[in-house]
Protein backbone atom coordinates (compact mmCIF):
# COMPACT_ATOMS: atom_id res chain seq x y z
CA MET A 1 5.32 11.96 -6.22
CA ASN A 2 7.80 10.57 -3.57
CA GLU A 3 10.93 10.83 -5.43
CA SER A 4 12.17 7.12 -3.97
CA MET A 5 9.22 5.97 -6.16
CA ILE A 6 11.65 5.33 -9.32
CA LEU A 7 14.35 3.29 -7.15
CA ILE A 8 11.08 0.82 -5.97
CA PRO A 9 10.87 -1.30 -9.02
CA VAL A 10 14.85 -1.25 -9.92
CA LEU A 11 15.36 -2.68 -5.96
CA LEU A 12 12.44 -4.80 -5.36
CA PRO A 13 13.29 -7.89 -7.80
CA ILE A 14 16.77 -8.23 -6.78
CA VAL A 15 15.06 -7.67 -2.73
CA ALA A 16 12.78 -10.11 -3.31
CA ALA A 17 14.87 -12.67 -5.12
CA LEU A 18 17.19 -12.75 -1.48
CA VAL A 19 14.34 -13.07 0.82
CA MET A 20 13.29 -15.60 -1.37
CA LEU A 21 16.79 -17.55 -0.84
CA ALA A 22 16.72 -16.60 2.90
CA ILE A 23 13.60 -18.42 3.49
CA LYS A 24 13.97 -22.40 3.25
CA PRO A 25 10.95 -23.95 3.87
CA PHE A 26 9.55 -21.75 1.23
CA ARG A 27 11.67 -23.25 -1.36
CA LYS A 28 10.62 -26.24 -0.96
CA ASN A 29 7.18 -25.16 -1.34
CA ARG A 30 7.30 -25.79 -5.48
CA ASN A 31 3.44 -24.20 -5.50
CA GLY A 32 4.31 -21.37 -3.02
CA LEU A 33 7.48 -20.61 -4.67
CA ASN A 34 6.50 -19.85 -8.21
CA LEU A 35 3.11 -18.28 -6.99
CA TYR A 36 5.56 -15.73 -4.66
CA VAL A 37 7.77 -15.39 -7.69
CA ILE A 38 4.68 -14.30 -10.33
CA GLY A 39 3.28 -11.92 -7.28
CA VAL A 40 6.57 -10.33 -6.81
CA THR A 41 6.72 -9.53 -10.88
CA THR A 42 3.01 -8.35 -10.33
CA LEU A 43 4.14 -5.94 -7.57
CA VAL A 44 6.45 -4.65 -10.07
CA THR A 45 4.68 -4.27 -12.82
CA ALA A 46 2.00 -2.24 -11.14
CA LEU A 47 5.05 -0.42 -9.24
CA THR A 48 6.72 0.45 -13.01
CA VAL A 49 3.68 2.07 -13.81
CA PHE A 50 2.88 4.15 -11.08
CA ALA A 51 6.74 5.39 -11.18
CA CYS A 52 6.58 5.96 -14.90
CA PHE A 53 4.21 9.07 -13.80
CA SER A 54 7.67 10.82 -12.38
CA SER A 55 9.79 13.13 -14.23
CA GLU A 56 12.33 13.73 -10.98
CA ARG A 57 15.85 13.18 -11.21
CA VAL A 58 17.13 10.89 -7.96
CA LYS A 59 20.65 10.83 -7.29
CA VAL A 60 21.42 7.73 -5.47
CA PHE A 61 25.44 8.56 -4.72
CA GLU A 62 28.69 10.50 -6.31
CA ILE A 63 31.03 8.21 -7.89
CA PHE A 64 33.27 10.80 -8.51
CA SER A 65 32.98 15.09 -8.90
CA GLY A 66 30.02 15.29 -11.61
CA ILE A 67 29.55 11.96 -12.02
CA ASP A 68 26.54 10.02 -10.37
CA ILE A 69 24.85 7.14 -10.11
CA ALA A 70 21.05 8.63 -10.76
CA PHE A 71 17.80 7.70 -12.20
CA LYS A 72 15.62 9.47 -14.46
CA ILE A 73 12.16 8.79 -16.14
CA ASP A 74 11.47 9.98 -19.61
CA ASP A 75 9.41 8.53 -22.69
CA LEU A 76 11.72 6.08 -23.55
CA SER A 77 12.17 4.89 -20.35
CA ARG A 78 8.62 4.36 -19.80
CA LEU A 79 8.59 2.62 -23.43
CA PHE A 80 11.64 0.17 -22.56
CA ALA A 81 10.33 -0.56 -18.83
CA VAL A 82 6.42 -1.43 -19.58
CA LEU A 83 7.30 -3.47 -22.63
CA THR A 84 10.07 -5.27 -19.81
CA VAL A 85 7.68 -5.52 -16.74
CA ALA A 86 4.79 -7.06 -19.17
CA MET A 87 7.20 -9.39 -20.56
CA TRP A 88 8.35 -10.72 -17.47
CA LEU A 89 4.93 -10.93 -16.09
CA SER A 90 3.77 -12.87 -18.93
CA SER A 91 6.95 -15.21 -18.58
CA SER A 92 6.26 -15.44 -14.79
CA ILE A 93 2.59 -17.40 -15.55
CA PHE A 94 3.79 -19.11 -18.39
CA GLN A 95 6.87 -20.98 -16.53
CA LYS A 96 4.87 -22.14 -13.67
CA GLU A 97 4.08 -24.90 -15.73
CA TYR A 98 6.57 -25.02 -18.03
CA LEU A 99 9.35 -25.48 -15.20
CA LYS A 100 8.12 -28.40 -13.69
CA HIS A 101 10.25 -30.35 -15.85
CA GLU A 102 13.56 -28.38 -15.34
CA LYS A 103 15.78 -28.52 -12.27
CA ASP A 104 17.12 -25.94 -9.58
CA GLU A 105 13.89 -23.45 -9.99
CA VAL A 106 14.72 -21.71 -7.42
CA ARG A 107 18.23 -20.87 -8.58
CA TYR A 108 15.94 -20.12 -11.94
CA HIS A 109 13.85 -18.09 -10.46
CA PHE A 110 16.70 -15.88 -8.15
CA PHE A 111 18.23 -14.81 -11.42
CA PHE A 112 14.73 -14.12 -13.30
CA LEU A 113 13.95 -11.72 -10.94
CA CYS A 114 17.76 -10.14 -10.09
CA SER A 115 17.43 -9.55 -13.87
CA LEU A 116 14.68 -7.54 -14.00
CA SER A 117 16.17 -5.66 -11.65
CA ALA A 118 19.43 -5.06 -14.08
CA LEU A 119 16.86 -4.24 -17.17
CA LEU A 120 14.69 -1.71 -15.19
CA GLY A 121 18.10 -0.32 -13.60
CA ILE A 122 18.85 0.55 -17.74
CA CYS A 123 15.24 1.73 -18.52
CA PHE A 124 15.70 4.20 -15.73
CA SER A 125 19.30 5.64 -15.73
CA SER A 126 19.71 9.37 -16.05
CA ASN A 127 23.15 9.33 -17.77
CA LEU A 128 25.44 6.93 -19.38
CA ILE A 129 27.79 5.50 -16.26
CA THR A 130 24.13 4.18 -14.66
CA MET A 131 23.45 2.58 -17.74
CA TYR A 132 26.93 0.66 -17.97
CA LEU A 133 27.08 -0.55 -14.73
CA PHE A 134 23.41 -2.41 -15.24
CA TYR A 135 24.16 -3.57 -18.53
CA GLU A 136 26.83 -5.11 -16.75
CA MET A 137 24.98 -6.54 -14.43
CA MET A 138 22.37 -7.53 -16.94
CA THR A 139 25.09 -9.86 -18.35
CA LEU A 140 25.79 -11.05 -15.34
CA MET A 141 21.93 -12.01 -14.10
CA THR A 142 21.33 -13.52 -17.52
CA PHE A 143 24.18 -15.64 -18.01
CA PRO A 144 22.90 -18.46 -15.66
CA LEU A 145 19.19 -18.22 -17.23
CA VAL A 146 21.47 -19.73 -20.23
CA ILE A 147 23.74 -22.39 -18.38
CA HIS A 148 20.70 -23.09 -16.25
CA SER A 149 20.79 -26.99 -17.52
CA LEU A 150 24.39 -27.18 -17.02
CA SER A 151 24.53 -29.36 -19.85
CA LYS A 152 27.75 -29.71 -21.91
CA GLU A 153 26.06 -27.55 -24.80
CA SER A 154 24.65 -24.60 -22.36
CA ILE A 155 28.15 -24.35 -20.71
CA VAL A 156 29.47 -24.10 -24.07
CA ALA A 157 26.75 -21.38 -25.13
CA ALA A 158 26.97 -20.07 -21.73
CA MET A 159 30.69 -18.75 -22.26
CA LYS A 160 29.99 -17.47 -26.03
CA TYR A 161 27.40 -15.57 -24.26
CA ILE A 162 29.41 -13.95 -21.31
CA PHE A 163 32.64 -13.76 -24.06
CA TYR A 164 30.85 -11.60 -26.79
CA SER A 165 28.82 -10.11 -24.36
CA MET A 166 32.02 -8.70 -22.15
CA GLY A 167 33.54 -7.96 -25.56
CA GLY A 168 31.00 -6.16 -26.84
CA ALA A 169 30.91 -4.25 -23.06
CA PHE A 170 34.90 -3.54 -23.92
CA LEU A 171 34.19 -1.73 -26.83
CA ALA A 172 31.64 0.35 -25.20
CA LEU A 173 33.61 1.13 -21.95
CA VAL A 174 36.49 2.26 -24.34
CA GLY A 175 33.77 4.69 -25.54
CA VAL A 176 32.35 6.00 -22.49
CA PHE A 177 36.16 6.61 -21.30
CA TYR A 178 37.41 8.59 -24.38
CA LEU A 179 33.73 11.08 -24.58
CA ASN A 180 34.43 12.19 -21.23
CA ARG A 181 35.99 15.05 -22.73
CA PHE A 182 34.10 15.54 -25.80
CA VAL A 183 30.83 16.21 -23.34
CA ASP A 184 29.40 18.09 -20.90
CA SER A 185 28.04 15.30 -19.01
CA TYR A 186 27.11 12.26 -19.14
CA GLU A 187 23.37 12.50 -18.55
CA PHE A 188 21.13 11.89 -21.67
CA VAL A 189 20.13 15.16 -22.98
CA ALA A 190 17.87 14.76 -26.11
CA GLY A 191 19.75 16.15 -28.87
CA GLY A 192 22.92 15.39 -27.29
CA GLN A 193 26.19 16.68 -25.22
CA LEU A 194 28.53 17.19 -27.35
CA ASN A 195 31.22 20.23 -26.23
CA ALA A 196 33.20 22.46 -28.87
CA ALA A 197 36.33 20.17 -28.71
CA ALA A 198 34.21 17.49 -30.28
CA ALA A 199 34.41 19.25 -33.58
CA ASP A 200 38.05 19.50 -33.21
CA SER A 201 38.53 16.11 -32.41
CA LYS A 202 35.87 14.51 -34.94
CA SER A 203 37.33 11.48 -36.56
CA LEU A 204 38.20 10.11 -32.88
CA VAL A 205 34.68 10.73 -31.36
CA LEU A 206 33.47 9.25 -34.79
CA PHE A 207 35.52 5.99 -34.31
CA VAL A 208 34.90 5.97 -30.68
CA VAL A 209 30.98 6.52 -31.31
CA PHE A 210 31.40 3.70 -33.39
CA CYS A 211 32.88 1.47 -31.32
CA MET A 212 30.53 1.80 -28.97
CA ILE A 213 27.48 0.98 -31.55
CA ILE A 214 29.32 -2.20 -32.22
CA GLY A 215 29.60 -3.15 -28.79
CA PHE A 216 25.68 -2.46 -27.39
CA GLY A 217 24.94 -3.78 -30.85
CA SER A 218 26.26 -6.78 -29.51
CA LYS A 219 23.42 -7.67 -26.87
CA ALA A 220 21.01 -6.66 -30.21
CA GLY A 221 22.40 -9.60 -31.73
CA MET A 222 24.10 -7.56 -34.44
CA PHE A 223 26.70 -8.65 -36.69
CA PRO A 224 29.88 -9.13 -35.96
CA LEU A 225 29.26 -10.24 -32.52
CA HIS A 226 26.22 -11.40 -32.99
CA GLY A 227 27.34 -15.34 -32.88
CA TRP A 228 25.76 -15.94 -29.09
CA LEU A 229 22.49 -15.73 -29.96
CA PRO A 230 22.38 -18.79 -32.18
CA VAL A 231 23.86 -20.74 -29.45
CA ALA A 232 22.51 -19.65 -26.15
CA HIS A 233 18.49 -19.42 -26.96
CA PRO A 234 18.68 -23.23 -27.81
CA VAL A 235 19.99 -24.65 -24.74
CA ALA A 236 17.96 -21.87 -22.27
CA PRO A 237 14.45 -22.97 -20.77
CA ALA A 238 12.33 -21.60 -23.63
CA PRO A 239 10.64 -18.99 -20.98
CA ALA A 240 14.45 -17.67 -20.88
CA SER A 241 14.82 -17.70 -24.41
CA ALA A 242 11.51 -15.50 -25.11
CA LEU A 243 12.73 -12.94 -22.74
CA MET A 244 16.59 -12.91 -24.09
CA SER A 245 15.15 -12.42 -27.53
CA GLY A 246 12.07 -10.15 -26.52
CA ASN A 247 13.80 -7.85 -24.14
CA VAL A 248 17.23 -8.59 -23.03
CA THR A 249 18.55 -7.60 -27.20
CA LYS A 250 16.16 -4.02 -26.40
CA MET A 251 18.44 -3.30 -23.82
CA GLY A 252 21.46 -3.19 -26.76
CA VAL A 253 18.78 -1.47 -28.99
CA LEU A 254 18.23 1.45 -25.88
CA ALA A 255 21.62 1.70 -25.14
CA VAL A 256 22.52 2.35 -29.06
CA ILE A 257 19.82 5.23 -28.89
CA ARG A 258 20.73 6.84 -25.94
CA VAL A 259 24.42 7.55 -27.17
CA ILE A 260 23.45 8.52 -30.80
CA TYR A 261 20.47 10.14 -29.64
CA TYR A 262 21.20 11.05 -26.07
CA VAL A 263 24.73 11.55 -25.98
CA VAL A 264 26.20 12.48 -29.07
CA GLY A 265 23.22 13.85 -31.04
CA VAL A 266 22.25 13.29 -35.08
CA ASN A 267 23.50 16.05 -35.96
CA PHE A 268 26.90 15.45 -35.57
CA LEU A 269 27.01 11.92 -37.40
CA THR A 270 24.31 12.21 -39.92
CA GLY A 271 26.01 12.06 -43.20
CA THR A 272 29.33 10.54 -42.11
CA TRP A 273 30.79 7.53 -42.33
CA VAL A 274 29.82 5.96 -39.28
CA GLN A 275 26.30 6.28 -40.27
CA TYR A 276 26.69 4.51 -43.50
CA ALA A 277 28.94 2.14 -41.92
CA PHE A 278 26.17 1.31 -39.06
CA LEU A 279 22.91 1.83 -42.05
CA SER A 280 25.09 -1.21 -43.68
CA ILE A 281 25.68 -4.08 -41.23
CA ALA A 282 22.39 -3.45 -40.22
CA LEU A 283 20.97 -4.13 -43.41
CA LEU A 284 23.77 -7.27 -43.94
CA THR A 285 22.72 -8.90 -40.86
CA VAL A 286 18.71 -8.31 -41.47
CA VAL A 287 19.24 -10.67 -44.33
CA MET A 288 22.13 -12.94 -42.87
CA GLY A 289 19.61 -13.01 -39.90
CA SER A 290 16.77 -14.55 -42.14
CA MET A 291 19.04 -16.49 -44.65
CA MET A 292 20.43 -18.23 -41.46
CA ALA A 293 16.77 -19.38 -40.09
CA TYR A 294 15.80 -20.51 -43.13
CA LYS A 295 18.19 -22.81 -43.56
CA GLU A 296 18.33 -23.79 -40.02
CA GLN A 297 16.08 -27.14 -38.78
CA ILE A 298 15.94 -26.87 -35.00
CA LEU A 299 13.04 -24.84 -33.96
CA LYS A 300 14.32 -22.69 -31.25
CA LYS A 301 17.95 -21.90 -32.85
CA ARG A 302 15.65 -20.93 -36.25
CA LEU A 303 14.10 -18.73 -34.20
CA ALA A 304 17.28 -17.37 -32.58
CA TYR A 305 18.59 -16.89 -35.84
CA SER A 306 15.23 -14.54 -36.76
CA SER A 307 15.85 -12.35 -33.97
CA ILE A 308 19.01 -12.04 -35.06
CA SER A 309 17.84 -10.16 -38.30
CA GLN A 310 14.22 -8.79 -36.98
CA VAL A 311 16.17 -6.60 -34.21
CA SER A 312 18.40 -5.17 -36.68
CA TYR A 313 15.10 -3.88 -38.40
CA VAL A 314 15.11 -1.71 -35.59
CA LEU A 315 18.34 -0.93 -35.41
CA PHE A 316 18.19 0.13 -39.33
CA GLY A 317 15.61 2.82 -38.16
CA VAL A 318 17.42 4.06 -35.64
CA ALA A 319 20.78 4.56 -37.64
CA LEU A 320 18.46 6.18 -40.41
CA MET A 321 18.67 9.32 -38.19
CA ASN A 322 15.41 10.74 -39.16
CA PRO A 323 12.26 11.28 -36.93
CA ILE A 324 10.26 8.52 -40.07
CA GLY A 325 12.59 6.63 -39.41
CA LEU A 326 13.29 5.88 -36.08
CA LEU A 327 9.22 5.69 -35.20
CA GLY A 328 9.42 2.97 -37.49
CA GLY A 329 11.87 1.43 -35.37
CA LEU A 330 10.28 1.63 -31.80
CA MET A 331 7.22 0.33 -33.57
CA HIS A 332 9.29 -2.69 -34.24
CA VAL A 333 10.92 -2.72 -30.17
CA VAL A 334 6.91 -3.45 -29.39
CA TYR A 335 5.97 -5.40 -32.34
CA HIS A 336 9.09 -7.73 -32.20
CA SER A 337 9.44 -8.07 -28.22
CA ILE A 338 5.23 -8.84 -28.57
CA VAL A 339 5.74 -11.41 -31.27
CA LYS A 340 9.01 -13.04 -30.15
CA ASN A 341 7.82 -14.17 -26.71
CA THR A 342 4.89 -15.79 -28.39
CA LEU A 343 7.00 -17.42 -30.93
CA PHE A 344 9.61 -18.69 -28.08
CA MET A 345 6.46 -19.72 -25.94
CA SER A 346 5.05 -21.55 -28.33
CA ALA A 347 8.17 -23.60 -28.85
CA GLY A 348 8.04 -23.95 -25.26
CA ALA A 349 4.72 -25.14 -25.17
CA ILE A 350 5.51 -27.34 -27.50
CA ILE A 351 8.46 -28.68 -26.41
CA TYR A 352 6.87 -29.57 -23.27
CA LYS A 353 4.27 -30.82 -23.92
CA THR A 354 5.80 -33.81 -27.10
CA GLY A 355 9.16 -32.97 -26.99
CA LYS A 356 9.80 -32.17 -30.21
CA THR A 357 12.80 -29.87 -31.49
CA LYS A 358 13.15 -29.75 -34.88
CA VAL A 359 10.82 -28.33 -37.59
CA LYS A 360 10.32 -31.67 -39.59
CA GLU A 361 8.83 -33.45 -36.55
CA LEU A 362 6.15 -30.65 -36.64
CA LEU A 363 4.21 -32.30 -39.16
CA GLY A 364 0.38 -32.48 -37.55
CA ILE A 365 1.44 -30.01 -34.57
CA GLY A 366 -1.40 -27.88 -35.61
CA LYS A 367 -4.06 -30.81 -34.91
CA GLU A 368 -2.60 -31.68 -32.32
CA MET A 369 -2.08 -28.27 -30.13
CA PRO A 370 -4.71 -25.96 -32.20
CA ILE A 371 -4.41 -23.02 -29.40
CA VAL A 372 -0.71 -23.15 -29.38
CA MET A 373 -0.39 -23.48 -33.10
CA TRP A 374 -3.06 -20.56 -33.99
CA CYS A 375 -0.96 -18.26 -31.42
CA TYR A 376 2.31 -19.14 -33.50
CA THR A 377 0.55 -18.75 -36.75
CA ILE A 378 -0.68 -14.91 -35.38
CA ALA A 379 2.53 -14.22 -34.23
CA SER A 380 4.13 -15.35 -37.66
CA LEU A 381 1.74 -13.33 -39.90
CA THR A 382 2.40 -10.22 -37.30
CA LEU A 383 6.44 -10.68 -37.79
CA ILE A 384 6.00 -11.50 -42.22
CA GLY A 385 4.26 -7.93 -41.64
CA ILE A 386 0.78 -9.09 -43.00
CA PRO A 387 -1.45 -6.40 -42.49
CA PRO A 388 -4.03 -6.05 -40.34
CA THR A 389 -1.42 -7.10 -37.89
CA SER A 390 1.18 -5.04 -36.06
CA ALA A 391 4.62 -5.28 -37.54
CA PHE A 392 3.24 -4.03 -40.99
CA LEU A 393 2.71 -1.01 -40.09
CA SER A 394 6.56 -0.55 -38.53
CA LYS A 395 7.71 -2.19 -41.68
CA TRP A 396 5.81 0.19 -43.81
CA TYR A 397 7.39 3.63 -41.62
CA LEU A 398 10.73 1.84 -41.63
CA ALA A 399 11.04 1.69 -45.50
CA GLU A 400 9.40 5.06 -45.55
CA GLY A 401 12.06 6.58 -43.58
CA ALA A 402 14.90 4.99 -45.51
CA LEU A 403 13.22 6.80 -48.75
CA ASN A 404 13.12 9.62 -47.03
CA SER A 405 16.35 9.51 -46.04
CA SER A 406 19.66 11.20 -47.67
CA THR A 407 21.57 8.17 -47.50
CA GLY A 408 22.57 7.63 -51.62
CA VAL A 409 21.88 3.96 -52.90
CA ILE A 410 20.92 2.93 -48.97
CA ARG A 411 17.95 4.90 -49.77
CA TYR A 412 16.18 2.71 -51.97
CA LEU A 413 18.55 -1.03 -51.21
CA GLY A 414 17.28 -0.78 -47.51
CA PRO A 415 13.01 -1.23 -48.62
CA VAL A 416 14.20 -3.84 -50.94
CA LEU A 417 16.37 -5.83 -48.77
CA LEU A 418 13.64 -5.40 -45.93
CA ILE A 419 11.48 -7.28 -48.73
CA VAL A 420 13.44 -9.85 -49.63
CA SER A 421 13.38 -10.24 -45.49
CA ALA A 422 10.16 -10.19 -45.05
CA LEU A 423 9.81 -13.26 -47.90
CA LEU A 424 12.42 -15.21 -46.18
CA THR A 425 10.50 -14.65 -43.22
CA ALA A 426 7.65 -16.62 -44.22
CA GLY A 427 9.61 -19.24 -45.18
CA TYR A 428 11.17 -20.05 -42.41
CA LEU A 429 8.10 -19.23 -40.17
CA PHE A 430 4.86 -19.75 -42.24
CA THR A 431 6.19 -23.29 -43.45
CA ILE A 432 5.79 -24.39 -40.02
CA THR A 433 1.76 -23.56 -39.53
CA VAL A 434 0.85 -24.93 -42.90
CA ASN A 435 2.65 -28.18 -42.50
CA GLY A 436 1.29 -28.07 -38.53
CA PHE A 437 -2.48 -27.21 -40.27
CA PHE A 438 -2.33 -29.73 -43.45
CA PRO A 439 0.11 -32.74 -42.76
CA GLY A 440 -1.30 -34.53 -45.83
CA LYS A 441 -2.67 -37.46 -46.75
CA ASP A 442 0.06 -39.61 -45.35
CA TYR A 443 -0.30 -38.18 -41.91
CA ASP A 444 -1.83 -40.64 -39.64
CA TYR A 445 -5.25 -39.11 -38.22
CA LYS A 446 -6.08 -42.52 -36.21
CA ALA A 447 -3.11 -41.47 -33.87
CA LEU A 448 -3.95 -38.10 -33.82
CA GLU A 449 -3.62 -37.40 -29.67
CA LYS A 450 -4.57 -33.44 -28.35
CA ARG A 451 -1.40 -32.22 -26.40
CA GLU A 452 -2.61 -28.92 -25.77
CA PRO A 453 -1.12 -27.11 -22.66
CA ASN A 454 -2.96 -25.86 -19.55
CA ALA A 455 -4.75 -22.48 -18.51
CA LEU A 456 -1.05 -21.10 -17.03
CA MET A 457 0.86 -21.75 -20.61
CA THR A 458 -2.26 -20.91 -23.17
CA VAL A 459 -3.35 -18.02 -21.08
CA PRO A 460 -0.36 -15.62 -21.69
CA LEU A 461 0.01 -17.10 -25.18
CA LEU A 462 -3.31 -16.22 -26.28
CA THR A 463 -2.99 -12.85 -24.67
CA LEU A 464 0.37 -11.88 -26.50
CA ALA A 465 -0.89 -13.31 -29.69
CA THR A 466 -4.08 -11.18 -29.48
CA ALA A 467 -2.00 -7.77 -28.58
CA ALA A 468 0.01 -8.52 -31.75
CA LEU A 469 -3.14 -8.04 -33.91
CA LEU A 470 -4.85 -5.31 -31.68
CA PHE A 471 -1.76 -3.08 -31.87
CA GLY A 472 -1.68 -3.48 -35.88
CA MET A 473 -5.88 -2.83 -35.83
CA PHE A 474 -5.56 0.06 -32.98
CA PRO A 475 -2.52 1.58 -33.21
CA THR A 476 -2.90 5.19 -32.75
CA ALA A 477 -2.26 5.62 -28.95
CA LEU A 478 1.26 3.74 -28.75
CA MET A 479 1.47 5.86 -32.33
CA ASP A 480 1.37 9.30 -30.72
CA PHE A 481 3.17 8.32 -27.56
CA LEU A 482 6.25 7.60 -29.79
CA LYS A 483 6.06 10.16 -31.97
CA GLN A 484 6.18 12.66 -28.38
CA ILE A 485 9.75 10.76 -28.49
CA THR A 486 10.84 11.26 -32.23
CA THR A 487 9.64 15.32 -31.84
CA THR A 488 12.04 15.79 -28.52
CA LEU A 489 14.84 14.50 -30.61
CA PHE A 490 14.33 16.20 -34.26
């Protein structure tokens, strides 16, 4: 395979975005513009899948001696890259209809495509430097998606998003600088790259790694740098909220995995204060996010708090630093991405057709929009962890990973808090379904009006909801692939 095939999926979206800006008459044709974006995203999806068959390292240029901008695809890259393009493709179809009531579609599409380039760059990065540069690019390219409406609320939210993101990136960058003397290279190698000097300065290295976990964890919505999520999601267009919750947060997870498992190594961290602190913060975030979601009455903000909780399920699995826990975490990466895209798209469809944004306004919504609400319900059951939906499996392995770990009281506390969070998840998600389909005798059935969106919205919703169900019923292929990743790390 031609080595340049790895670069094409990374470069094509941003080149296509620039072409879109260059052709002025084309920008004025809304239908053509949307078809162009769908076509580009489809092509990038196909090229990404094709590129995933490569395992060659591609050096673009050298920054300093021994420090390159380079790309290489391994199994972890394949997982996150394919998941990213799949969700971007579904969003490109969904937003063709949704963006009719949004202004400045050209600007939105431009940064939609540029963000895809940034995320694929993170996925395909061969080393820590390349990943960090694309990580910063991702923040800059997703910032306009948050501020898109240019309302006062969106400007405040976008400023908070950039503040938290840059603060987290700064902590990560401190780690990148300090690790230079303690690693043989910045390349991602299963098991880590620490040299003998790291053992002599273990306290410093542990502190640096902890800073990097907190820093990259900000994008994953982990406490204490989680504050951007509940303000950014409600103001961004629903398709952007879906991608930021379902995929942008996963880039924070990917960065943490790369640092722990491919730069430092679990043998260096297992049993240290860093592991216990990471586990404690992840569990705190799980419970805190669930409790805040349970109290929240704005639908998209409730889903944002849910993301804070659910992405930390993944981080908890990563922090366990054993094969079963990591397997559960990686499974939840896939399932949460599918589910959260479904939930935010469902919220977007409701807002688009009814203008309703608050939970208390959704009484009887299942009667008005049954297809959307059935998709929402399947996604909700999945996130709660009800079998045979997919997230039941990921949560099972997370609990099993905790029980098989040597983490003291966290070994038993972890599964208990996961169950508490699942009960809270049922409270803040499934109650909407119950009230939506069973509004009670006081509901005005005579005024009932069907408001189902068209196929451009319902087909992506149905596809993702079906995937959430089928991955739980037929998990073998995905689990076998994920076990290939965990096997190389332990």
